[in-house]
Amino acid sequence: MKIKKGDKIKIIAGKDKGREANVGKVYPNQDKVLIPGVNIYKKHIKKNEKMPQGGVVEIPRPLATSKIVLICPKCAKPTRIGYEIKGKKKNRICRKCKSVI
């Protein structure tokens, strides 16, 4: 997966289109990322021991990686990610400025 935890991203599709944030958690098997404060949905909770009243809670849902693009830390532009192999190390590189991410 090309996106990692802590990367700065921009959302390019969906109800939060245009927002910028940092990745909180990555789900590589599902090809999704969780971004705090983005893609918030409301869930109705039945009353239980934790919430004796019940009610509506806001929950962030994971977002598909196809709906986000990485922002390069050096050139600060939305970019695709490439790979460069030096010796035994594989580095992610910005496709626009060719710097290591």
PDB file of N, CA and C in Angstrom:
ATOM      1  N   MET A   1       0.843  -1.182   0.000  1.00  0.00           N
ATOM      2  CA  MET A   1       0.000   0.000   0.000  1.00  0.00           C
ATOM      3  C   MET A   1       0.887   1.243   0.000  1.00  0.00           C
ATOM      4  N   LYS A   2       0.526   2.220  -0.808  1.00  0.00           N
ATOM      5  CA  LYS A   2       1.375   3.396  -0.979  1.00  0.00           C
ATOM      6  C   LYS A   2       1.172   4.465   0.085  1.00  0.00           C
ATOM      7  N   ILE A   3       0.026   4.439   0.764  1.00  0.00           N
ATOM      8  CA  ILE A   3      -0.271   5.418   1.813  1.00  0.00           C
ATOM      9  C   ILE A   3       0.082   4.809   3.168  1.00  0.00           C
ATOM     10  N   LYS A   4       0.714   5.613   4.041  1.00  0.00           N
ATOM     11  CA  LYS A   4       1.095   5.138   5.369  1.00  0.00           C
ATOM     12  C   LYS A   4       0.528   6.063   6.438  1.00  0.00           C
ATOM     13  N   LYS A   5       0.528   5.575   7.672  1.00  0.00           N
ATOM     14  CA  LYS A   5       0.043   6.352   8.802  1.00  0.00           C
ATOM     15  C   LYS A   5       0.880   7.620   8.955  1.00  0.00           C
ATOM     16  N   GLY A   6       0.211   8.747   9.159  1.00  0.00           N
ATOM     17  CA  GLY A   6       0.905  10.015   9.340  1.00  0.00           C
ATOM     18  C   GLY A   6       1.082  10.819   8.063  1.00  0.00           C
ATOM     19  N   ASP A   7       0.819  10.230   6.895  1.00  0.00           N
ATOM     20  CA  ASP A   7       0.943  10.958   5.632  1.00  0.00           C
ATOM     21  C   ASP A   7      -0.108  12.056   5.542  1.00  0.00           C
ATOM     22  N   LYS A   8       0.266  13.174   4.949  1.00  0.00           N
ATOM     23  CA  LYS A   8      -0.699  14.241   4.706  1.00  0.00           C
ATOM     24  C   LYS A   8      -1.367  13.959   3.367  1.00  0.00           C
ATOM     25  N   ILE A   9      -2.702  13.977   3.361  1.00  0.00           N
ATOM     26  CA  ILE A   9      -3.440  13.630   2.153  1.00  0.00           C
ATOM     27  C   ILE A   9      -4.489  14.695   1.847  1.00  0.00           C
ATOM     28  N   LYS A  10      -4.993  14.654   0.622  1.00  0.00           N
ATOM     29  CA  LYS A  10      -6.102  15.506   0.198  1.00  0.00           C
ATOM     30  C   LYS A  10      -7.188  14.598  -0.338  1.00  0.00           C
ATOM     31  N   ILE A  11      -8.439  14.876   0.023  1.00  0.00           N
ATOM     32  CA  ILE A  11      -9.560  14.063  -0.422  1.00  0.00           C
ATOM     33  C   ILE A  11     -10.042  14.599  -1.764  1.00  0.00           C
ATOM     34  N   ILE A  12     -10.158  13.705  -2.763  1.00  0.00           N
ATOM     35  CA  ILE A  12     -10.506  14.132  -4.116  1.00  0.00           C
ATOM     36  C   ILE A  12     -11.915  13.708  -4.533  1.00  0.00           C
ATOM     37  N   ALA A  13     -12.624  12.976  -3.662  1.00  0.00           N
ATOM     38  CA  ALA A  13     -13.990  12.557  -3.997  1.00  0.00           C
ATOM     39  C   ALA A  13     -14.792  12.372  -2.720  1.00  0.00           C
ATOM     40  N   GLY A  14     -16.108  12.519  -2.835  1.00  0.00           N
ATOM     41  CA  GLY A  14     -16.981  12.293  -1.691  1.00  0.00           C
ATOM     42  C   GLY A  14     -17.432  13.585  -1.038  1.00  0.00           C
ATOM     43  N   LYS A  15     -18.115  13.447   0.093  1.00  0.00           N
ATOM     44  CA  LYS A  15     -18.703  14.621   0.747  1.00  0.00           C
ATOM     45  C   LYS A  15     -17.669  15.547   1.384  1.00  0.00           C
ATOM     46  N   ASP A  16     -16.460  15.061   1.630  1.00  0.00           N
ATOM     47  CA  ASP A  16     -15.392  15.876   2.222  1.00  0.00           C
ATOM     48  C   ASP A  16     -14.358  16.298   1.183  1.00  0.00           C
ATOM     49  N   LYS A  17     -14.744  16.338  -0.078  1.00  0.00           N
ATOM     50  CA  LYS A  17     -13.828  16.662  -1.177  1.00  0.00           C
ATOM     51  C   LYS A  17     -13.129  17.999  -0.933  1.00  0.00           C
ATOM     52  N   GLY A  18     -11.804  18.013  -1.132  1.00  0.00           N
ATOM     53  CA  GLY A  18     -11.023  19.229  -0.972  1.00  0.00           C
ATOM     54  C   GLY A  18     -10.361  19.386   0.383  1.00  0.00           C
ATOM     55  N   ARG A  19     -10.781  18.611   1.361  1.00  0.00           N
ATOM     56  CA  ARG A  19     -10.202  18.722   2.705  1.00  0.00           C
ATOM     57  C   ARG A  19      -8.831  18.062   2.765  1.00  0.00           C
ATOM     58  N   GLU A  20      -7.966  18.604   3.614  1.00  0.00           N
ATOM     59  CA  GLU A  20      -6.640  18.033   3.827  1.00  0.00           C
ATOM     60  C   GLU A  20      -6.540  17.563   5.268  1.00  0.00           C
ATOM     61  N   ALA A  21      -5.902  16.417   5.472  1.00  0.00           N
ATOM     62  CA  ALA A  21      -5.765  15.858   6.817  1.00  0.00           C
ATOM     63  C   ALA A  21      -4.617  14.867   6.832  1.00  0.00           C
ATOM     64  N   ASN A  22      -4.333  14.329   8.020  1.00  0.00           N
ATOM     65  CA  ASN A  22      -3.308  13.291   8.171  1.00  0.00           C
ATOM     66  C   ASN A  22      -3.977  11.946   8.389  1.00  0.00           C
ATOM     67  N   VAL A  23      -3.359  10.906   7.888  1.00  0.00           N
ATOM     68  CA  VAL A  23      -3.896   9.550   8.003  1.00  0.00           C
ATOM     69  C   VAL A  23      -3.719   9.059   9.436  1.00  0.00           C
ATOM     70  N   GLY A  24      -4.797   8.506  10.020  1.00  0.00           N
ATOM     71  CA  GLY A  24      -4.753   8.007  11.388  1.00  0.00           C
ATOM     72  C   GLY A  24      -4.458   6.526  11.460  1.00  0.00           C
ATOM     73  N   LYS A  25      -5.070   5.736  10.575  1.00  0.00           N
ATOM     74  CA  LYS A  25      -4.892   4.293  10.579  1.00  0.00           C
ATOM     75  C   LYS A  25      -5.068   3.769   9.162  1.00  0.00           C
ATOM     76  N   VAL A  26      -4.329   2.717   8.839  1.00  0.00           N
ATOM     77  CA  VAL A  26      -4.375   2.132   7.501  1.00  0.00           C
ATOM     78  C   VAL A  26      -4.887   0.704   7.586  1.00  0.00           C
ATOM     79  N   TYR A  27      -5.816   0.360   6.687  1.00  0.00           N
ATOM     80  CA  TYR A  27      -6.338  -1.002   6.571  1.00  0.00           C
ATOM     81  C   TYR A  27      -5.919  -1.557   5.209  1.00  0.00           C
ATOM     82  N   PRO A  28      -4.728  -2.180   5.110  1.00  0.00           N
ATOM     83  CA  PRO A  28      -4.221  -2.610   3.807  1.00  0.00           C
ATOM     84  C   PRO A  28      -5.044  -3.719   3.149  1.00  0.00           C
ATOM     85  N   ASN A  29      -5.643  -4.615   3.926  1.00  0.00           N
ATOM     86  CA  ASN A  29      -6.424  -5.694   3.327  1.00  0.00           C
ATOM     87  C   ASN A  29      -7.702  -5.168   2.667  1.00  0.00           C
ATOM     88  N   GLN A  30      -8.280  -4.120   3.214  1.00  0.00           N
ATOM     89  CA  GLN A  30      -9.498  -3.531   2.665  1.00  0.00           C
ATOM     90  C   GLN A  30      -9.197  -2.394   1.695  1.00  0.00           C
ATOM     91  N   ASP A  31      -7.929  -1.972   1.602  1.00  0.00           N
ATOM     92  CA  ASP A  31      -7.496  -0.858   0.770  1.00  0.00           C
ATOM     93  C   ASP A  31      -8.196   0.442   1.189  1.00  0.00           C
ATOM     94  N   LYS A  32      -8.249   0.672   2.519  1.00  0.00           N
ATOM     95  CA  LYS A  32      -8.902   1.851   3.075  1.00  0.00           C
ATOM     96  C   LYS A  32      -8.027   2.500   4.138  1.00  0.00           C
ATOM     97  N   VAL A  33      -8.309   3.780   4.410  1.00  0.00           N
ATOM     98  CA  VAL A  33      -7.606   4.512   5.460  1.00  0.00           C
ATOM     99  C   VAL A  33      -8.623   5.225   6.340  1.00  0.00           C
ATOM    100  N   LEU A  34      -8.297   5.350   7.625  1.00  0.00           N
ATOM    101  CA  LEU A  34      -9.141   6.068   8.570  1.00  0.00           C
ATOM    102  C   LEU A  34      -8.497   7.420   8.839  1.00  0.00           C
ATOM    103  N   ILE A  35      -9.283   8.479   8.639  1.00  0.00           N
ATOM    104  CA  ILE A  35      -8.780   9.829   8.812  1.00  0.00           C
ATOM    105  C   ILE A  35      -9.615  10.501   9.895  1.00  0.00           C
ATOM    106  N   PRO A  36      -9.008  10.870  11.027  1.00  0.00           N
ATOM    107  CA  PRO A  36      -9.772  11.492  12.112  1.00  0.00           C
ATOM    108  C   PRO A  36     -10.437  12.798  11.674  1.00  0.00           C
ATOM    109  N   GLY A  37     -11.722  12.944  12.005  1.00  0.00           N
ATOM    110  CA  GLY A  37     -12.455  14.161  11.692  1.00  0.00           C
ATOM    111  C   GLY A  37     -12.980  14.255  10.278  1.00  0.00           C
ATOM    112  N   VAL A  38     -12.786  13.198   9.483  1.00  0.00           N
ATOM    113  CA  VAL A  38     -13.241  13.191   8.098  1.00  0.00           C
ATOM    114  C   VAL A  38     -14.111  11.959   7.874  1.00  0.00           C
ATOM    115  N   ASN A  39     -15.098  12.083   6.978  1.00  0.00           N
ATOM    116  CA  ASN A  39     -16.021  10.991   6.656  1.00  0.00           C
ATOM    117  C   ASN A  39     -16.790  10.538   7.910  1.00  0.00           C
ATOM    118  N   ILE A  40     -17.352  11.515   8.616  1.00  0.00           N
ATOM    119  CA  ILE A  40     -18.084  11.267   9.857  1.00  0.00           C
ATOM    120  C   ILE A  40     -19.529  10.879   9.536  1.00  0.00           C
ATOM    121  N   TYR A  41     -19.990   9.810  10.149  1.00  0.00           N
ATOM    122  CA  TYR A  41     -21.372   9.365  10.008  1.00  0.00           C
ATOM    123  C   TYR A  41     -22.011   9.275  11.379  1.00  0.00           C
ATOM    124  N   LYS A  42     -23.336   9.407  11.418  1.00  0.00           N
ATOM    125  CA  LYS A  42     -24.067   9.316  12.678  1.00  0.00           C
ATOM    126  C   LYS A  42     -24.664   7.932  12.808  1.00  0.00           C
ATOM    127  N   LYS A  43     -24.543   7.374  14.005  1.00  0.00           N
ATOM    128  CA  LYS A  43     -25.068   6.048  14.280  1.00  0.00           C
ATOM    129  C   LYS A  43     -26.002   6.139  15.481  1.00  0.00           C
ATOM    130  N   HIS A  44     -27.177   5.555  15.342  1.00  0.00           N
ATOM    131  CA  HIS A  44     -28.151   5.562  16.427  1.00  0.00           C
ATOM    132  C   HIS A  44     -27.870   4.376  17.340  1.00  0.00           C
ATOM    133  N   ILE A  45     -27.702   4.647  18.634  1.00  0.00           N
ATOM    134  CA  ILE A  45     -27.360   3.633  19.618  1.00  0.00           C
ATOM    135  C   ILE A  45     -28.559   3.375  20.528  1.00  0.00           C
ATOM    136  N   LYS A  46     -28.872   2.107  20.694  1.00  0.00           N
ATOM    137  CA  LYS A  46     -29.933   1.712  21.627  1.00  0.00           C
ATOM    138  C   LYS A  46     -29.410   1.892  23.051  1.00  0.00           C
ATOM    139  N   LYS A  47     -30.281   2.137  23.997  1.00  0.00           N
ATOM    140  CA  LYS A  47     -29.798   2.335  25.360  1.00  0.00           C
ATOM    141  C   LYS A  47     -29.166   1.056  25.894  1.00  0.00           C
ATOM    142  N   ASN A  48     -28.064   1.229  26.618  1.00  0.00           N
ATOM    143  CA  ASN A  48     -27.321   0.108  27.204  1.00  0.00           C
ATOM    144  C   ASN A  48     -26.640   0.586  28.480  1.00  0.00           C
ATOM    145  N   GLU A  49     -25.762  -0.220  29.040  1.00  0.00           N
ATOM    146  CA  GLU A  49     -25.102   0.147  30.290  1.00  0.00           C
ATOM    147  C   GLU A  49     -24.201   1.372  30.133  1.00  0.00           C
ATOM    148  N   LYS A  50     -23.494   1.471  29.015  1.00  0.00           N
ATOM    149  CA  LYS A  50     -22.599   2.602  28.791  1.00  0.00           C
ATOM    150  C   LYS A  50     -23.380   3.887  28.522  1.00  0.00           C
ATOM    151  N   MET A  51     -24.443   3.762  27.750  1.00  0.00           N
ATOM    152  CA  MET A  51     -25.279   4.921  27.425  1.00  0.00           C
ATOM    153  C   MET A  51     -26.711   4.643  27.870  1.00  0.00           C
ATOM    154  N   PRO A  52     -27.055   4.976  29.108  1.00  0.00           N
ATOM    155  CA  PRO A  52     -28.391   4.668  29.618  1.00  0.00           C
ATOM    156  C   PRO A  52     -29.512   5.380  28.856  1.00  0.00           C
ATOM    157  N   GLN A  53     -29.194   6.509  28.222  1.00  0.00           N
ATOM    158  CA  GLN A  53     -30.200   7.224  27.458  1.00  0.00           C
ATOM    159  C   GLN A  53     -30.289   6.735  26.022  1.00  0.00           C
ATOM    160  N   GLY A  54     -29.213   6.113  25.509  1.00  0.00           N
ATOM    161  CA  GLY A  54     -29.146   5.810  24.084  1.00  0.00           C
ATOM    162  C   GLY A  54     -28.768   7.087  23.359  1.00  0.00           C
ATOM    163  N   GLY A  55     -29.069   7.178  22.087  1.00  0.00           N
ATOM    164  CA  GLY A  55     -28.830   8.424  21.370  1.00  0.00           C
ATOM    165  C   GLY A  55     -28.083   8.236  20.068  1.00  0.00           C
ATOM    166  N   VAL A  56     -27.572   9.352  19.573  1.00  0.00           N
ATOM    167  CA  VAL A  56     -26.883   9.386  18.286  1.00  0.00           C
ATOM    168  C   VAL A  56     -25.411   9.708  18.544  1.00  0.00           C
ATOM    169  N   VAL A  57     -24.514   8.881  18.011  1.00  0.00           N
ATOM    170  CA  VAL A  57     -23.074   9.136  18.146  1.00  0.00           C
ATOM    171  C   VAL A  57     -22.467   9.311  16.759  1.00  0.00           C
ATOM    172  N   GLU A  58     -21.413  10.113  16.702  1.00  0.00           N
ATOM    173  CA  GLU A  58     -20.720  10.333  15.438  1.00  0.00           C
ATOM    174  C   GLU A  58     -19.510   9.422  15.358  1.00  0.00           C
ATOM    175  N   ILE A  59     -19.395   8.705  14.243  1.00  0.00           N
ATOM    176  CA  ILE A  59     -18.336   7.718  14.056  1.00  0.00           C
ATOM    177  C   ILE A  59     -17.606   8.005  12.746  1.00  0.00           C
ATOM    178  N   PRO A  60     -16.248   8.090  12.784  1.00  0.00           N
ATOM    179  CA  PRO A  60     -15.512   8.224  11.521  1.00  0.00           C
ATOM    180  C   PRO A  60     -15.428   6.869  10.825  1.00  0.00           C
ATOM    181  N   ARG A  61     -15.709   6.854   9.536  1.00  0.00           N
ATOM    182  CA  ARG A  61     -15.628   5.616   8.757  1.00  0.00           C
ATOM    183  C   ARG A  61     -14.391   5.645   7.877  1.00  0.00           C
ATOM    184  N   PRO A  62     -13.840   4.472   7.576  1.00  0.00           N
ATOM    185  CA  PRO A  62     -12.680   4.430   6.676  1.00  0.00           C
ATOM    186  C   PRO A  62     -13.041   4.921   5.278  1.00  0.00           C
ATOM    187  N   LEU A  63     -12.065   5.462   4.597  1.00  0.00           N
ATOM    188  CA  LEU A  63     -12.230   6.019   3.262  1.00  0.00           C
ATOM    189  C   LEU A  63     -11.358   5.220   2.303  1.00  0.00           C
ATOM    190  N   ALA A  64     -11.863   4.924   1.112  1.00  0.00           N
ATOM    191  CA  ALA A  64     -11.102   4.159   0.123  1.00  0.00           C
ATOM    192  C   ALA A  64      -9.886   4.961  -0.346  1.00  0.00           C
ATOM    193  N   THR A  65      -8.788   4.268  -0.603  1.00  0.00           N
ATOM    194  CA  THR A  65      -7.562   4.956  -1.028  1.00  0.00           C
ATOM    195  C   THR A  65      -7.694   5.550  -2.423  1.00  0.00           C
ATOM    196  N   SER A  66      -8.673   5.097  -3.195  1.00  0.00           N
ATOM    197  CA  SER A  66      -8.879   5.667  -4.526  1.00  0.00           C
ATOM    198  C   SER A  66      -9.458   7.077  -4.449  1.00  0.00           C
ATOM    199  N   LYS A  67      -9.968   7.475  -3.285  1.00  0.00           N
ATOM    200  CA  LYS A  67     -10.589   8.789  -3.114  1.00  0.00           C
ATOM    201  C   LYS A  67      -9.652   9.808  -2.480  1.00  0.00           C
ATOM    202  N   ILE A  68      -8.395   9.426  -2.270  1.00  0.00           N
ATOM    203  CA  ILE A  68      -7.428  10.344  -1.670  1.00  0.00           C
ATOM    204  C   ILE A  68      -6.168  10.412  -2.513  1.00  0.00           C
ATOM    205  N   VAL A  69      -5.429  11.496  -2.343  1.00  0.00           N
ATOM    206  CA  VAL A  69      -4.143  11.647  -3.019  1.00  0.00           C
ATOM    207  C   VAL A  69      -3.145  12.210  -2.001  1.00  0.00           C
ATOM    208  N   LEU A  70      -1.915  11.742  -2.067  1.00  0.00           N
ATOM    209  CA  LEU A  70      -0.868  12.163  -1.134  1.00  0.00           C
ATOM    210  C   LEU A  70      -0.380  13.565  -1.476  1.00  0.00           C
ATOM    211  N   ILE A  71      -0.082  14.351  -0.442  1.00  0.00           N
ATOM    212  CA  ILE A  71       0.526  15.668  -0.640  1.00  0.00           C
ATOM    213  C   ILE A  71       2.003  15.541  -0.307  1.00  0.00           C
ATOM    214  N   CYS A  72       2.838  15.885  -1.270  1.00  0.00           N
ATOM    215  CA  CYS A  72       4.291  15.783  -1.096  1.00  0.00           C
ATOM    216  C   CYS A  72       4.753  16.763  -0.018  1.00  0.00           C
ATOM    217  N   PRO A  73       5.556  16.306   0.963  1.00  0.00           N
ATOM    218  CA  PRO A  73       6.021  17.214   2.011  1.00  0.00           C
ATOM    219  C   PRO A  73       7.000  18.279   1.500  1.00  0.00           C
ATOM    220  N   LYS A  74       7.687  18.004   0.400  1.00  0.00           N
ATOM    221  CA  LYS A  74       8.676  18.953  -0.103  1.00  0.00           C
ATOM    222  C   LYS A  74       8.045  20.016  -1.011  1.00  0.00           C
ATOM    223  N   CYS A  75       7.303  19.583  -2.042  1.00  0.00           N
ATOM    224  CA  CYS A  75       6.739  20.552  -2.993  1.00  0.00           C
ATOM    225  C   CYS A  75       5.316  20.980  -2.632  1.00  0.00           C
ATOM    226  N   ALA A  76       4.698  20.337  -1.634  1.00  0.00           N
ATOM    227  CA  ALA A  76       3.360  20.667  -1.124  1.00  0.00           C
ATOM    228  C   ALA A  76       2.268  20.601  -2.191  1.00  0.00           C
ATOM    229  N   LYS A  77       2.442  19.699  -3.162  1.00  0.00           N
ATOM    230  CA  LYS A  77       1.439  19.517  -4.204  1.00  0.00           C
ATOM    231  C   LYS A  77       0.868  18.103  -4.119  1.00  0.00           C
ATOM    232  N   PRO A  78      -0.402  17.933  -4.505  1.00  0.00           N
ATOM    233  CA  PRO A  78      -0.960  16.578  -4.575  1.00  0.00           C
ATOM    234  C   PRO A  78      -0.224  15.793  -5.664  1.00  0.00           C
ATOM    235  N   THR A  79       0.196  14.585  -5.332  1.00  0.00           N
ATOM    236  CA  THR A  79       1.008  13.826  -6.284  1.00  0.00           C
ATOM    237  C   THR A  79       0.747  12.336  -6.188  1.00  0.00           C
ATOM    238  N   ARG A  80       1.103  11.643  -7.247  1.00  0.00           N
ATOM    239  CA  ARG A  80       1.092  10.185  -7.207  1.00  0.00           C
ATOM    240  C   ARG A  80       2.416   9.730  -6.597  1.00  0.00           C
ATOM    241  N   ILE A  81       2.468   8.462  -6.216  1.00  0.00           N
ATOM    242  CA  ILE A  81       3.643   7.934  -5.545  1.00  0.00           C
ATOM    243  C   ILE A  81       4.340   6.933  -6.450  1.00  0.00           C
ATOM    244  N   GLY A  82       5.657   7.069  -6.541  1.00  0.00           N
ATOM    245  CA  GLY A  82       6.461   6.112  -7.271  1.00  0.00           C
ATOM    246  C   GLY A  82       7.420   5.438  -6.311  1.00  0.00           C
ATOM    247  N   TYR A  83       8.157   4.466  -6.810  1.00  0.00           N
ATOM    248  CA  TYR A  83       9.134   3.773  -5.984  1.00  0.00           C
ATOM    249  C   TYR A  83      10.496   3.837  -6.641  1.00  0.00           C
ATOM    250  N   GLU A  84      11.530   3.887  -5.792  1.00  0.00           N
ATOM    251  CA  GLU A  84      12.907   3.919  -6.244  1.00  0.00           C
ATOM    252  C   GLU A  84      13.686   2.934  -5.378  1.00  0.00           C
ATOM    253  N   ILE A  85      14.438   2.063  -5.989  1.00  0.00           N
ATOM    254  CA  ILE A  85      15.195   1.063  -5.235  1.00  0.00           C
ATOM    255  C   ILE A  85      16.669   1.460  -5.240  1.00  0.00           C
ATOM    256  N   LYS A  86      17.211   1.649  -4.032  1.00  0.00           N
ATOM    257  CA  LYS A  86      18.639   1.953  -3.876  1.00  0.00           C
ATOM    258  C   LYS A  86      19.228   0.883  -2.982  1.00  0.00           C
ATOM    259  N   GLY A  87      20.083   0.067  -3.536  1.00  0.00           N
ATOM    260  CA  GLY A  87      20.663  -1.038  -2.765  1.00  0.00           C
ATOM    261  C   GLY A  87      19.578  -2.024  -2.383  1.00  0.00           C
ATOM    262  N   LYS A  88      19.393  -2.210  -1.077  1.00  0.00           N
ATOM    263  CA  LYS A  88      18.354  -3.116  -0.596  1.00  0.00           C
ATOM    264  C   LYS A  88      17.151  -2.361  -0.037  1.00  0.00           C
ATOM    265  N   LYS A  89      17.147  -1.025  -0.220  1.00  0.00           N
ATOM    266  CA  LYS A  89      16.071  -0.219   0.331  1.00  0.00           C
ATOM    267  C   LYS A  89      15.149   0.290  -0.774  1.00  0.00           C
ATOM    268  N   LYS A  90      13.839   0.222  -0.506  1.00  0.00           N
ATOM    269  CA  LYS A  90      12.839   0.690  -1.449  1.00  0.00           C
ATOM    270  C   LYS A  90      12.207   1.956  -0.882  1.00  0.00           C
ATOM    271  N   ASN A  91      12.348   3.070  -1.588  1.00  0.00           N
ATOM    272  CA  ASN A  91      11.848   4.357  -1.113  1.00  0.00           C
ATOM    273  C   ASN A  91      10.660   4.815  -1.946  1.00  0.00           C
ATOM    274  N   ARG A  92       9.725   5.504  -1.276  1.00  0.00           N
ATOM    275  CA  ARG A  92       8.628   6.142  -2.003  1.00  0.00           C
ATOM    276  C   ARG A  92       9.128   7.483  -2.510  1.00  0.00           C
ATOM    277  N   ILE A  93       8.774   7.842  -3.743  1.00  0.00           N
ATOM    278  CA  ILE A  93       9.191   9.126  -4.296  1.00  0.00           C
ATOM    279  C   ILE A  93       7.981   9.876  -4.850  1.00  0.00           C
ATOM    280  N   CYS A  94       8.100  11.202  -4.840  1.00  0.00           N
ATOM    281  CA  CYS A  94       7.087  12.077  -5.425  1.00  0.00           C
ATOM    282  C   CYS A  94       7.259  12.043  -6.937  1.00  0.00           C
ATOM    283  N   ARG A  95       6.151  11.873  -7.669  1.00  0.00           N
ATOM    284  CA  ARG A  95       6.241  11.827  -9.128  1.00  0.00           C
ATOM    285  C   ARG A  95       6.456  13.204  -9.750  1.00  0.00           C
ATOM    286  N   LYS A  96       6.206  14.272  -8.984  1.00  0.00           N
ATOM    287  CA  LYS A  96       6.365  15.617  -9.525  1.00  0.00           C
ATOM    288  C   LYS A  96       7.762  16.173  -9.316  1.00  0.00           C
ATOM    289  N   CYS A  97       8.269  16.099  -8.067  1.00  0.00           N
ATOM    290  CA  CYS A  97       9.569  16.709  -7.784  1.00  0.00           C
ATOM    291  C   CYS A  97      10.681  15.670  -7.600  1.00  0.00           C
ATOM    292  N   LYS A  98      10.350  14.386  -7.667  1.00  0.00           N
ATOM    293  CA  LYS A  98      11.307  13.279  -7.572  1.00  0.00           C
ATOM    294  C   LYS A  98      12.030  13.188  -6.229  1.00  0.00           C
ATOM    295  N   SER A  99      11.469  13.809  -5.165  1.00  0.00           N
ATOM    296  CA  SER A  99      12.105  13.726  -3.859  1.00  0.00           C
ATOM    297  C   SER A  99      11.580  12.511  -3.100  1.00  0.00           C
ATOM    298  N   VAL A 100      12.372  12.028  -2.154  1.00  0.00           N
ATOM    299  CA  VAL A 100      11.987  10.880  -1.340  1.00  0.00           C
ATOM    300  C   VAL A 100      10.974  11.325  -0.302  1.00  0.00           C
ATOM    301  N   ILE A 101       9.914  10.546  -0.168  1.00  0.00           N
ATOM    302  CA  ILE A 101       8.850  10.868   0.798  1.00  0.00           C
ATOM    303  C   ILE A 101       9.137  10.143   2.091  1.00  0.00           C
TER     304      ILE A 101
END
